Amino acid sequence: MEKAQKPNQFGADRRQSFRVDDILSLVSRKIRPDEPHPRARILPGFSEDYLIDSTEGPPDDTVNPHVWRLLLQIQNRLELIINKMNLEEQGVAKAEPKPISLSTTGAKFTTWERYIPGDMLELKIFLPLDPPVWVVVYGKVLRNVEKPEGERQVAVQFQEIDESVTEVINRYGLKRQRELIRRRKGD
């Protein structure tokens, strides 16, 4: 993990954000040159933050408590099904955990896919925040280095990243850094 570096006197390699190394669920796909791509965005993640607390009683005395519990169970199950369908529709249901180095300006990750510098990619990355979220970012491949195992390490520079996405990535980076500091102090 690298922290933000102070700009050097020569102005080269100025880093505007910090980078966090982790293993995150990620889906990447190449965008055809003629395919328009929207700005970076946030997808709702799979979480249980929307589930209604079933320990709460009915809203008033006219509702039978047993019927109320059954209605809550039905609603929670329907929400889970709808959320699962949404994740499948967004193409993230089969995302695989991969080592990734992530910042608000780009990402470096390993893949079996062959990309070449200049290719535009769509990346969908799961960030385990509270609540968890998926971010969708678009970027240009800068490097594609083949590793001995046959995988490739791809470096992508994000394009047209939205401020809300930048904020979520920064929040995740700070959370992850705090976790690493706590772990080091605990050792």
C-alpha atoms as a PDB file:
ATOM      1  CA  MET A   1       0.000   0.000   0.000  1.00  0.00           C
ATOM      2  CA  GLU A   2       1.381   3.376  -0.942  1.00  0.00           C
ATOM      3  CA  LYS A   3       0.348   6.679   0.505  1.00  0.00           C
ATOM      4  CA  ALA A   4      -0.032   9.829  -1.484  1.00  0.00           C
ATOM      5  CA  GLN A   5       3.326  11.196  -2.463  1.00  0.00           C
ATOM      6  CA  LYS A   6       4.215  14.855  -2.293  1.00  0.00           C
ATOM      7  CA  PRO A   7       4.740  16.321  -5.723  1.00  0.00           C
ATOM      8  CA  ASN A   8       8.425  16.218  -6.528  1.00  0.00           C
ATOM      9  CA  GLN A   9      10.265  19.283  -7.697  1.00  0.00           C
ATOM     10  CA  PHE A  10      10.331  18.077 -11.310  1.00  0.00           C
ATOM     11  CA  GLY A  11       6.556  17.619 -11.560  1.00  0.00           C
ATOM     12  CA  ALA A  12       6.807  14.015 -12.795  1.00  0.00           C
ATOM     13  CA  ASP A  13       4.692  11.153 -11.460  1.00  0.00           C
ATOM     14  CA  ARG A  14       2.431  13.248  -9.261  1.00  0.00           C
ATOM     15  CA  ARG A  15      -0.013  11.028  -7.463  1.00  0.00           C
ATOM     16  CA  GLN A  16      -3.331  12.646  -6.571  1.00  0.00           C
ATOM     17  CA  SER A  17      -4.671   9.745  -4.507  1.00  0.00           C
ATOM     18  CA  PHE A  18      -3.486   6.791  -2.471  1.00  0.00           C
ATOM     19  CA  ARG A  19      -3.493   3.179  -3.578  1.00  0.00           C
ATOM     20  CA  VAL A  20      -4.806   0.178  -1.617  1.00  0.00           C
ATOM     21  CA  ASP A  21      -3.896  -3.457  -2.320  1.00  0.00           C
ATOM     22  CA  ASP A  22      -6.577  -6.031  -1.566  1.00  0.00           C
ATOM     23  CA  ILE A  23      -8.482  -9.006  -2.951  1.00  0.00           C
ATOM     24  CA  LEU A  24     -11.851  -7.869  -4.293  1.00  0.00           C
ATOM     25  CA  SER A  25     -14.559  -9.313  -6.521  1.00  0.00           C
ATOM     26  CA  LEU A  26     -14.050  -7.917  -9.986  1.00  0.00           C
ATOM     27  CA  VAL A  27     -15.509  -8.276 -13.468  1.00  0.00           C
ATOM     28  CA  SER A  28     -13.753  -6.757 -16.470  1.00  0.00           C
ATOM     29  CA  ARG A  29     -14.789  -6.555 -20.081  1.00  0.00           C
ATOM     30  CA  LYS A  30     -13.404  -4.879 -23.153  1.00  0.00           C
ATOM     31  CA  ILE A  31     -15.513  -2.120 -24.672  1.00  0.00           C
ATOM     32  CA  ARG A  32     -15.666  -1.994 -28.449  1.00  0.00           C
ATOM     33  CA  PRO A  33     -14.369   1.285 -29.911  1.00  0.00           C
ATOM     34  CA  ASP A  34     -17.813   2.075 -31.378  1.00  0.00           C
ATOM     35  CA  GLU A  35     -19.631   1.248 -28.108  1.00  0.00           C
ATOM     36  CA  PRO A  36     -20.553   4.295 -26.024  1.00  0.00           C
ATOM     37  CA  HIS A  37     -19.799   4.029 -22.336  1.00  0.00           C
ATOM     38  CA  PRO A  38     -21.519   5.967 -19.588  1.00  0.00           C
ATOM     39  CA  ARG A  39     -19.718   7.731 -16.781  1.00  0.00           C
ATOM     40  CA  ALA A  40     -18.545   5.786 -13.751  1.00  0.00           C
ATOM     41  CA  ARG A  41     -21.386   4.916 -11.410  1.00  0.00           C
ATOM     42  CA  ILE A  42     -22.389   3.009  -8.304  1.00  0.00           C
ATOM     43  CA  LEU A  43     -24.538  -0.127  -8.438  1.00  0.00           C
ATOM     44  CA  PRO A  44     -26.483  -1.277  -5.421  1.00  0.00           C
ATOM     45  CA  GLY A  45     -24.534  -4.072  -3.758  1.00  0.00           C
ATOM     46  CA  PHE A  46     -25.830  -7.243  -2.233  1.00  0.00           C
ATOM     47  CA  SER A  47     -26.382  -6.449   1.408  1.00  0.00           C
ATOM     48  CA  GLU A  48     -28.957  -6.964   4.070  1.00  0.00           C
ATOM     49  CA  ASP A  49     -29.241  -3.286   4.969  1.00  0.00           C
ATOM     50  CA  TYR A  50     -32.665  -3.102   3.316  1.00  0.00           C
ATOM     51  CA  LEU A  51     -34.125  -6.002   5.328  1.00  0.00           C
ATOM     52  CA  ILE A  52     -36.826  -4.955   7.764  1.00  0.00           C
ATOM     53  CA  ASP A  53     -36.145  -5.754  11.391  1.00  0.00           C
ATOM     54  CA  SER A  54     -38.546  -8.589  12.182  1.00  0.00           C
ATOM     55  CA  THR A  55     -38.274  -7.908  15.929  1.00  0.00           C
ATOM     56  CA  GLU A  56     -40.361  -4.758  15.481  1.00  0.00           C
ATOM     57  CA  GLY A  57     -44.013  -5.225  16.158  1.00  0.00           C
ATOM     58  CA  PRO A  58     -46.906  -4.408  13.871  1.00  0.00           C
ATOM     59  CA  PRO A  59     -47.590  -0.739  13.141  1.00  0.00           C
ATOM     60  CA  ASP A  60     -50.836  -0.751  15.154  1.00  0.00           C
ATOM     61  CA  ASP A  61     -53.297  -3.024  16.988  1.00  0.00           C
ATOM     62  CA  THR A  62     -55.351  -3.770  13.856  1.00  0.00           C
ATOM     63  CA  VAL A  63     -52.599  -6.037  12.441  1.00  0.00           C
ATOM     64  CA  ASN A  64     -52.264  -9.557  13.818  1.00  0.00           C
ATOM     65  CA  PRO A  65     -48.634 -10.036  15.065  1.00  0.00           C
ATOM     66  CA  HIS A  66     -48.401 -13.486  13.435  1.00  0.00           C
ATOM     67  CA  VAL A  67     -49.582 -12.124  10.063  1.00  0.00           C
ATOM     68  CA  TRP A  68     -47.164  -9.191  10.461  1.00  0.00           C
ATOM     69  CA  ARG A  69     -44.178 -11.561  10.935  1.00  0.00           C
ATOM     70  CA  LEU A  70     -45.223 -13.584   7.878  1.00  0.00           C
ATOM     71  CA  LEU A  71     -45.529 -10.410   5.779  1.00  0.00           C
ATOM     72  CA  LEU A  72     -42.053  -9.312   6.884  1.00  0.00           C
ATOM     73  CA  GLN A  73     -40.589 -12.703   5.978  1.00  0.00           C
ATOM     74  CA  ILE A  74     -42.223 -12.578   2.545  1.00  0.00           C
ATOM     75  CA  GLN A  75     -41.006  -9.031   1.940  1.00  0.00           C
ATOM     76  CA  ASN A  76     -37.433  -9.881   2.976  1.00  0.00           C
ATOM     77  CA  ARG A  77     -37.332 -12.928   0.724  1.00  0.00           C
ATOM     78  CA  LEU A  78     -38.708 -10.969  -2.223  1.00  0.00           C
ATOM     79  CA  GLU A  79     -36.078  -8.258  -1.662  1.00  0.00           C
ATOM     80  CA  LEU A  80     -33.327 -10.914  -1.699  1.00  0.00           C
ATOM     81  CA  ILE A  81     -34.665 -12.407  -4.950  1.00  0.00           C
ATOM     82  CA  ILE A  82     -34.983  -8.998  -6.617  1.00  0.00           C
ATOM     83  CA  ASN A  83     -31.490  -7.998  -5.512  1.00  0.00           C
ATOM     84  CA  LYS A  84     -30.024 -11.274  -6.805  1.00  0.00           C
ATOM     85  CA  MET A  85     -31.761 -10.781 -10.156  1.00  0.00           C
ATOM     86  CA  ASN A  86     -30.450  -7.215 -10.330  1.00  0.00           C
ATOM     87  CA  LEU A  87     -26.876  -8.381  -9.725  1.00  0.00           C
ATOM     88  CA  GLU A  88     -27.238 -11.042 -12.435  1.00  0.00           C
ATOM     89  CA  GLU A  89     -28.659  -8.441 -14.826  1.00  0.00           C
ATOM     90  CA  GLN A  90     -25.715  -6.122 -14.090  1.00  0.00           C
ATOM     91  CA  GLY A  91     -23.265  -8.936 -14.856  1.00  0.00           C
ATOM     92  CA  VAL A  92     -21.682  -9.155 -11.422  1.00  0.00           C
ATOM     93  CA  ALA A  93     -23.253 -12.326 -10.021  1.00  0.00           C
ATOM     94  CA  LYS A  94     -20.266 -14.417 -11.182  1.00  0.00           C
ATOM     95  CA  ALA A  95     -17.505 -11.980 -10.218  1.00  0.00           C
ATOM     96  CA  GLU A  96     -14.300 -13.606  -9.000  1.00  0.00           C
ATOM     97  CA  PRO A  97     -12.117 -12.398  -6.142  1.00  0.00           C
ATOM     98  CA  LYS A  98      -8.810 -11.112  -7.561  1.00  0.00           C
ATOM     99  CA  PRO A  99      -5.792  -9.288  -6.205  1.00  0.00           C
ATOM    100  CA  ILE A 100      -6.198  -5.619  -7.087  1.00  0.00           C
ATOM    101  CA  SER A 101      -4.347  -2.402  -6.438  1.00  0.00           C
ATOM    102  CA  LEU A 102      -7.013   0.313  -6.445  1.00  0.00           C
ATOM    103  CA  SER A 103      -7.038   4.098  -6.322  1.00  0.00           C
ATOM    104  CA  THR A 104      -9.399   6.787  -7.537  1.00  0.00           C
ATOM    105  CA  THR A 105      -7.272   7.215 -10.663  1.00  0.00           C
ATOM    106  CA  GLY A 106      -6.838   3.597 -11.722  1.00  0.00           C
ATOM    107  CA  ALA A 107      -6.431  -0.061 -10.910  1.00  0.00           C
ATOM    108  CA  LYS A 108      -3.945  -2.856 -11.435  1.00  0.00           C
ATOM    109  CA  PHE A 109      -5.249  -6.430 -11.386  1.00  0.00           C
ATOM    110  CA  THR A 110      -4.551  -9.913 -12.736  1.00  0.00           C
ATOM    111  CA  THR A 111      -6.652 -11.609 -15.372  1.00  0.00           C
ATOM    112  CA  TRP A 112      -6.542 -14.409 -17.925  1.00  0.00           C
ATOM    113  CA  GLU A 113      -7.941 -12.044 -20.541  1.00  0.00           C
ATOM    114  CA  ARG A 114      -5.646 -10.550 -23.152  1.00  0.00           C
ATOM    115  CA  TYR A 115      -5.918  -6.781 -23.377  1.00  0.00           C
ATOM    116  CA  ILE A 116      -3.598  -4.435 -25.218  1.00  0.00           C
ATOM    117  CA  PRO A 117      -2.552  -0.906 -24.270  1.00  0.00           C
ATOM    118  CA  GLY A 118      -5.192   1.523 -25.485  1.00  0.00           C
ATOM    119  CA  ASP A 119      -8.120  -0.900 -25.008  1.00  0.00           C
ATOM    120  CA  MET A 120     -11.064   0.597 -23.103  1.00  0.00           C
ATOM    121  CA  LEU A 121     -12.366  -1.568 -20.261  1.00  0.00           C
ATOM    122  CA  GLU A 122     -15.409  -1.591 -18.058  1.00  0.00           C
ATOM    123  CA  LEU A 123     -14.553  -2.705 -14.513  1.00  0.00           C
ATOM    124  CA  LYS A 124     -17.161  -3.659 -11.942  1.00  0.00           C
ATOM    125  CA  ILE A 125     -15.569  -3.804  -8.497  1.00  0.00           C
ATOM    126  CA  PHE A 126     -17.193  -4.895  -5.222  1.00  0.00           C
ATOM    127  CA  LEU A 127     -16.244  -2.700  -2.260  1.00  0.00           C
ATOM    128  CA  PRO A 128     -17.060  -4.261   1.143  1.00  0.00           C
ATOM    129  CA  LEU A 129     -18.292  -1.111   2.862  1.00  0.00           C
ATOM    130  CA  ASP A 130     -21.300  -0.660   5.108  1.00  0.00           C
ATOM    131  CA  PRO A 131     -23.480  -1.056   3.085  1.00  0.00           C
ATOM    132  CA  PRO A 132     -21.455  -2.899   0.426  1.00  0.00           C
ATOM    133  CA  VAL A 133     -21.436  -1.371  -3.055  1.00  0.00           C
ATOM    134  CA  TRP A 134     -20.401  -2.172  -6.595  1.00  0.00           C
ATOM    135  CA  VAL A 135     -18.640   0.573  -8.528  1.00  0.00           C
ATOM    136  CA  VAL A 136     -18.529   0.593 -12.309  1.00  0.00           C
ATOM    137  CA  VAL A 137     -15.562   2.452 -13.781  1.00  0.00           C
ATOM    138  CA  TYR A 138     -14.223   2.835 -17.289  1.00  0.00           C
ATOM    139  CA  GLY A 139     -10.582   3.111 -18.151  1.00  0.00           C
ATOM    140  CA  LYS A 140      -7.849   2.768 -20.701  1.00  0.00           C
ATOM    141  CA  VAL A 141      -5.342  -0.091 -20.507  1.00  0.00           C
ATOM    142  CA  LEU A 142      -1.858   1.336 -19.915  1.00  0.00           C
ATOM    143  CA  ARG A 143       0.078  -1.920 -19.505  1.00  0.00           C
ATOM    144  CA  ASN A 144      -0.509  -5.633 -19.884  1.00  0.00           C
ATOM    145  CA  VAL A 145       2.373  -7.692 -18.497  1.00  0.00           C
ATOM    146  CA  GLU A 146       2.324 -11.476 -18.881  1.00  0.00           C
ATOM    147  CA  LYS A 147       3.181 -13.360 -15.710  1.00  0.00           C
ATOM    148  CA  PRO A 148       4.957 -16.742 -15.676  1.00  0.00           C
ATOM    149  CA  GLU A 149       1.741 -18.593 -14.742  1.00  0.00           C
ATOM    150  CA  GLY A 150       0.008 -17.356 -17.906  1.00  0.00           C
ATOM    151  CA  GLU A 151      -2.049 -14.700 -16.165  1.00  0.00           C
ATOM    152  CA  ARG A 152      -1.598 -11.079 -17.088  1.00  0.00           C
ATOM    153  CA  GLN A 153      -1.233  -8.043 -14.867  1.00  0.00           C
ATOM    154  CA  VAL A 154      -3.244  -5.190 -16.338  1.00  0.00           C
ATOM    155  CA  ALA A 155      -2.908  -1.523 -15.374  1.00  0.00           C
ATOM    156  CA  VAL A 156      -5.926   0.660 -16.161  1.00  0.00           C
ATOM    157  CA  GLN A 157      -6.236   4.440 -15.898  1.00  0.00           C
ATOM    158  CA  PHE A 158      -9.811   5.502 -15.132  1.00  0.00           C
ATOM    159  CA  GLN A 159     -11.596   7.905 -17.474  1.00  0.00           C
ATOM    160  CA  GLU A 160     -14.412  10.313 -16.572  1.00  0.00           C
ATOM    161  CA  ILE A 161     -14.796   9.129 -12.983  1.00  0.00           C
ATOM    162  CA  ASP A 162     -17.791  10.596 -11.157  1.00  0.00           C
ATOM    163  CA  GLU A 163     -17.290  12.412  -7.848  1.00  0.00           C
ATOM    164  CA  SER A 164     -19.626  10.008  -6.016  1.00  0.00           C
ATOM    165  CA  VAL A 165     -17.538   7.048  -7.234  1.00  0.00           C
ATOM    166  CA  THR A 166     -14.324   8.827  -6.194  1.00  0.00           C
ATOM    167  CA  GLU A 167     -15.814   9.377  -2.747  1.00  0.00           C
ATOM    168  CA  VAL A 168     -16.785   5.701  -2.358  1.00  0.00           C
ATOM    169  CA  ILE A 169     -13.344   4.472  -3.477  1.00  0.00           C
ATOM    170  CA  ASN A 170     -11.668   6.912  -1.059  1.00  0.00           C
ATOM    171  CA  ARG A 171     -13.957   5.777   1.772  1.00  0.00           C
ATOM    172  CA  TYR A 172     -13.039   2.163   1.038  1.00  0.00           C
ATOM    173  CA  GLY A 173      -9.327   3.008   0.885  1.00  0.00           C
ATOM    174  CA  LEU A 174      -9.437   4.770   4.259  1.00  0.00           C
ATOM    175  CA  LYS A 175     -11.388   1.884   5.803  1.00  0.00           C
ATOM    176  CA  ARG A 176      -8.865  -0.610   4.479  1.00  0.00           C
ATOM    177  CA  GLN A 177      -5.911   1.442   5.712  1.00  0.00           C
ATOM    178  CA  ARG A 178      -7.456   1.641   9.208  1.00  0.00           C
ATOM    179  CA  GLU A 179      -7.872  -2.161   9.197  1.00  0.00           C
ATOM    180  CA  LEU A 180      -4.216  -2.649   8.237  1.00  0.00           C
ATOM    181  CA  ILE A 181      -3.018  -0.213  10.918  1.00  0.00           C
ATOM    182  CA  ARG A 182      -5.115  -1.975  13.589  1.00  0.00           C
ATOM    183  CA  ARG A 183      -3.734  -5.332  12.452  1.00  0.00           C
ATOM    184  CA  ARG A 184      -0.134  -4.055  12.667  1.00  0.00           C
ATOM    185  CA  LYS A 185      -0.703  -2.619  16.144  1.00  0.00           C
ATOM    186  CA  GLY A 186      -2.252  -5.928  17.247  1.00  0.00           C
ATOM    187  CA  ASP A 187       0.839  -7.918  16.184  1.00  0.00           C
END
